[in-house]
Amino acid sequence: MILLYYTQELEGLQWIIHKVEMDLKRSSDHPAMQLYLAC
Protein backbone atom coordinates (compact mmCIF):
# COMPACT_ATOMS: atom_id res chain seq x y z
CA MET A 1 0.00 0.00 0.00
CA ILE A 2 2.77 2.43 0.94
CA LEU A 3 4.75 1.38 -2.14
CA LEU A 4 1.76 2.18 -4.36
CA TYR A 5 1.50 5.63 -2.76
CA TYR A 6 5.15 6.37 -3.45
CA THR A 7 4.79 5.13 -7.03
CA GLN A 8 1.93 7.57 -7.61
CA GLU A 9 3.95 10.38 -6.01
CA LEU A 10 6.88 9.59 -8.31
CA GLU A 11 4.68 9.58 -11.40
CA GLY A 12 3.22 12.94 -10.35
CA LEU A 13 6.71 14.33 -9.89
CA GLN A 14 7.85 13.05 -13.29
CA TRP A 15 4.79 14.67 -14.88
CA ILE A 16 5.62 18.02 -13.25
CA ILE A 17 9.26 17.76 -14.37
CA HIS A 18 8.11 16.94 -17.92
CA LYS A 19 5.77 19.95 -17.91
CA VAL A 20 8.57 22.22 -16.69
CA GLU A 21 10.89 20.89 -19.42
CA MET A 22 8.24 21.61 -22.07
CA ASP A 23 7.83 25.16 -20.74
CA LEU A 24 11.60 25.68 -20.80
CA LYS A 25 11.88 24.35 -24.36
CA ARG A 26 9.16 26.77 -25.44
CA SER A 27 11.36 29.69 -24.39
CA SER A 28 14.16 28.18 -26.47
CA ASP A 29 17.81 29.14 -25.96
CA HIS A 30 16.84 30.80 -22.69
CA PRO A 31 19.81 31.10 -20.26
CA ALA A 32 17.74 29.28 -17.62
CA MET A 33 17.53 26.27 -19.94
CA GLN A 34 21.32 26.17 -20.26
CA LEU A 35 21.66 26.31 -16.46
CA TYR A 36 18.98 23.64 -16.04
CA LEU A 37 20.74 21.27 -18.43
CA ALA A 38 24.11 21.91 -16.77
CA CYS A 39 22.82 20.59 -13.44
PDB file of N, CA and C in Angstrom:
ATOM      1  N   MET A   1       0.834  -1.204   0.000  1.00  0.00           N
ATOM      2  CA  MET A   1       0.000   0.000   0.000  1.00  0.00           C
ATOM      3  C   MET A   1       0.871   1.257   0.000  1.00  0.00           C
ATOM      4  N   ILE A   2       1.864   1.273   0.875  1.00  0.00           N
ATOM      5  CA  ILE A   2       2.769   2.425   0.944  1.00  0.00           C
ATOM      6  C   ILE A   2       3.565   2.545  -0.360  1.00  0.00           C
ATOM      7  N   LEU A   3       3.984   1.391  -0.890  1.00  0.00           N
ATOM      8  CA  LEU A   3       4.745   1.379  -2.144  1.00  0.00           C
ATOM      9  C   LEU A   3       3.932   1.987  -3.280  1.00  0.00           C
ATOM     10  N   LEU A   4       2.646   1.645  -3.329  1.00  0.00           N
ATOM     11  CA  LEU A   4       1.756   2.179  -4.359  1.00  0.00           C
ATOM     12  C   LEU A   4       1.670   3.696  -4.241  1.00  0.00           C
ATOM     13  N   TYR A   5       1.581   4.179  -3.001  1.00  0.00           N
ATOM     14  CA  TYR A   5       1.500   5.625  -2.758  1.00  0.00           C
ATOM     15  C   TYR A   5       2.745   6.318  -3.300  1.00  0.00           C
ATOM     16  N   TYR A   6       3.902   5.761  -2.992  1.00  0.00           N
ATOM     17  CA  TYR A   6       5.147   6.369  -3.453  1.00  0.00           C
ATOM     18  C   TYR A   6       5.277   6.308  -4.973  1.00  0.00           C
ATOM     19  N   THR A   7       4.768   5.246  -5.570  1.00  0.00           N
ATOM     20  CA  THR A   7       4.794   5.127  -7.030  1.00  0.00           C
ATOM     21  C   THR A   7       3.969   6.238  -7.660  1.00  0.00           C
ATOM     22  N   GLN A   8       2.797   6.501  -7.093  1.00  0.00           N
ATOM     23  CA  GLN A   8       1.931   7.566  -7.610  1.00  0.00           C
ATOM     24  C   GLN A   8       2.588   8.928  -7.422  1.00  0.00           C
ATOM     25  N   GLU A   9       3.243   9.126  -6.278  1.00  0.00           N
ATOM     26  CA  GLU A   9       3.948  10.376  -6.006  1.00  0.00           C
ATOM     27  C   GLU A   9       5.045  10.588  -7.050  1.00  0.00           C
ATOM     28  N   LEU A  10       5.797   9.529  -7.328  1.00  0.00           N
ATOM     29  CA  LEU A  10       6.880   9.589  -8.306  1.00  0.00           C
ATOM     30  C   LEU A  10       6.361   9.943  -9.689  1.00  0.00           C
ATOM     31  N   GLU A  11       5.263   9.310 -10.090  1.00  0.00           N
ATOM     32  CA  GLU A  11       4.679   9.583 -11.402  1.00  0.00           C
ATOM     33  C   GLU A  11       4.222  11.030 -11.488  1.00  0.00           C
ATOM     34  N   GLY A  12       3.651  11.541 -10.400  1.00  0.00           N
ATOM     35  CA  GLY A  12       3.222  12.936 -10.355  1.00  0.00           C
ATOM     36  C   GLY A  12       4.407  13.866 -10.505  1.00  0.00           C
ATOM     37  N   LEU A  13       5.502  13.516  -9.836  1.00  0.00           N
ATOM     38  CA  LEU A  13       6.713  14.331  -9.891  1.00  0.00           C
ATOM     39  C   LEU A  13       7.299  14.330 -11.297  1.00  0.00           C
ATOM     40  N   GLN A  14       7.332  13.163 -11.926  1.00  0.00           N
ATOM     41  CA  GLN A  14       7.854  13.052 -13.289  1.00  0.00           C
ATOM     42  C   GLN A  14       7.018  13.876 -14.260  1.00  0.00           C
ATOM     43  N   TRP A  15       5.695  13.896 -14.022  1.00  0.00           N
ATOM     44  CA  TRP A  15       4.793  14.669 -14.881  1.00  0.00           C
ATOM     45  C   TRP A  15       5.081  16.156 -14.744  1.00  0.00           C
ATOM     46  N   ILE A  16       5.301  16.609 -13.504  1.00  0.00           N
ATOM     47  CA  ILE A  16       5.620  18.018 -13.247  1.00  0.00           C
ATOM     48  C   ILE A  16       6.942  18.385 -13.917  1.00  0.00           C
ATOM     49  N   ILE A  17       7.946  17.519 -13.759  1.00  0.00           N
ATOM     50  CA  ILE A  17       9.258  17.761 -14.372  1.00  0.00           C
ATOM     51  C   ILE A  17       9.120  17.846 -15.888  1.00  0.00           C
ATOM     52  N   HIS A  18       8.338  16.944 -16.470  1.00  0.00           N
ATOM     53  CA  HIS A  18       8.112  16.936 -17.919  1.00  0.00           C
ATOM     54  C   HIS A  18       7.467  18.248 -18.358  1.00  0.00           C
ATOM     55  N   LYS A  19       6.469  18.710 -17.586  1.00  0.00           N
ATOM     56  CA  LYS A  19       5.772  19.951 -17.906  1.00  0.00           C
ATOM     57  C   LYS A  19       6.728  21.139 -17.853  1.00  0.00           C
ATOM     58  N   VAL A  20       7.580  21.153 -16.839  1.00  0.00           N
ATOM     59  CA  VAL A  20       8.573  22.222 -16.689  1.00  0.00           C
ATOM     60  C   VAL A  20       9.539  22.205 -17.872  1.00  0.00           C
ATOM     61  N   GLU A  21       9.980  21.016 -18.268  1.00  0.00           N
ATOM     62  CA  GLU A  21      10.886  20.890 -19.416  1.00  0.00           C
ATOM     63  C   GLU A  21      10.239  21.430 -20.684  1.00  0.00           C
ATOM     64  N   MET A  22       8.957  21.112 -20.893  1.00  0.00           N
ATOM     65  CA  MET A  22       8.241  21.607 -22.068  1.00  0.00           C
ATOM     66  C   MET A  22       8.165  23.134 -22.052  1.00  0.00           C
ATOM     67  N   ASP A  23       7.895  23.704 -20.876  1.00  0.00           N
ATOM     68  CA  ASP A  23       7.826  25.160 -20.737  1.00  0.00           C
ATOM     69  C   ASP A  23       9.181  25.791 -21.043  1.00  0.00           C
ATOM     70  N   LEU A  24      10.253  25.161 -20.566  1.00  0.00           N
ATOM     71  CA  LEU A  24      11.597  25.682 -20.800  1.00  0.00           C
ATOM     72  C   LEU A  24      11.963  25.594 -22.280  1.00  0.00           C
ATOM     73  N   LYS A  25      11.575  24.511 -22.933  1.00  0.00           N
ATOM     74  CA  LYS A  25      11.878  24.347 -24.355  1.00  0.00           C
ATOM     75  C   LYS A  25      11.135  25.379 -25.195  1.00  0.00           C
ATOM     76  N   ARG A  26       9.948  25.785 -24.711  1.00  0.00           N
ATOM     77  CA  ARG A  26       9.164  26.772 -25.443  1.00  0.00           C
ATOM     78  C   ARG A  26       9.908  28.106 -25.503  1.00  0.00           C
ATOM     79  N   SER A  27      10.520  28.482 -24.397  1.00  0.00           N
ATOM     80  CA  SER A  27      11.355  29.688 -24.394  1.00  0.00           C
ATOM     81  C   SER A  27      12.769  29.238 -24.763  1.00  0.00           C
ATOM     82  N   SER A  28      12.937  28.842 -26.019  1.00  0.00           N
ATOM     83  CA  SER A  28      14.160  28.182 -26.471  1.00  0.00           C
ATOM     84  C   SER A  28      15.375  29.091 -26.388  1.00  0.00           C
ATOM     85  N   ASP A  29      16.531  28.452 -26.118  1.00  0.00           N
ATOM     86  CA  ASP A  29      17.809  29.139 -25.955  1.00  0.00           C
ATOM     87  C   ASP A  29      17.777  30.163 -24.824  1.00  0.00           C
ATOM     88  N   HIS A  30      16.900  29.930 -23.872  1.00  0.00           N
ATOM     89  CA  HIS A  30      16.844  30.800 -22.695  1.00  0.00           C
ATOM     90  C   HIS A  30      17.993  30.420 -21.760  1.00  0.00           C
ATOM     91  N   PRO A  31      18.672  31.398 -21.157  1.00  0.00           N
ATOM     92  CA  PRO A  31      19.805  31.096 -20.258  1.00  0.00           C
ATOM     93  C   PRO A  31      19.432  30.113 -19.143  1.00  0.00           C
ATOM     94  N   ALA A  32      18.189  30.189 -18.670  1.00  0.00           N
ATOM     95  CA  ALA A  32      17.738  29.278 -17.620  1.00  0.00           C
ATOM     96  C   ALA A  32      17.794  27.830 -18.096  1.00  0.00           C
ATOM     97  N   MET A  33      17.498  27.609 -19.372  1.00  0.00           N
ATOM     98  CA  MET A  33      17.534  26.265 -19.935  1.00  0.00           C
ATOM     99  C   MET A  33      18.963  25.727 -19.914  1.00  0.00           C
ATOM    100  N   GLN A  34      19.915  26.577 -20.261  1.00  0.00           N
ATOM    101  CA  GLN A  34      21.318  26.172 -20.255  1.00  0.00           C
ATOM    102  C   GLN A  34      21.747  25.784 -18.838  1.00  0.00           C
ATOM    103  N   LEU A  35      21.342  26.588 -17.859  1.00  0.00           N
ATOM    104  CA  LEU A  35      21.656  26.310 -16.457  1.00  0.00           C
ATOM    105  C   LEU A  35      21.007  25.008 -16.021  1.00  0.00           C
ATOM    106  N   TYR A  36      19.742  24.825 -16.416  1.00  0.00           N
ATOM    107  CA  TYR A  36      18.976  23.637 -16.041  1.00  0.00           C
ATOM    108  C   TYR A  36      19.653  22.372 -16.577  1.00  0.00           C
ATOM    109  N   LEU A  37      20.104  22.435 -17.815  1.00  0.00           N
ATOM    110  CA  LEU A  37      20.740  21.273 -18.433  1.00  0.00           C
ATOM    111  C   LEU A  37      22.113  20.999 -17.833  1.00  0.00           C
ATOM    112  N   ALA A  38      22.771  22.055 -17.345  1.00  0.00           N
ATOM    113  CA  ALA A  38      24.105  21.913 -16.774  1.00  0.00           C
ATOM    114  C   ALA A  38      24.080  21.187 -15.429  1.00  0.00           C
ATOM    115  N   CYS A  39      22.940  21.217 -14.766  1.00  0.00           N
ATOM    116  CA  CYS A  39      22.823  20.586 -13.436  1.00  0.00           C
ATOM    117  C   CYS A  39      23.015  19.075 -13.527  1.00  0.00           C
TER     118      CYS A  39
END
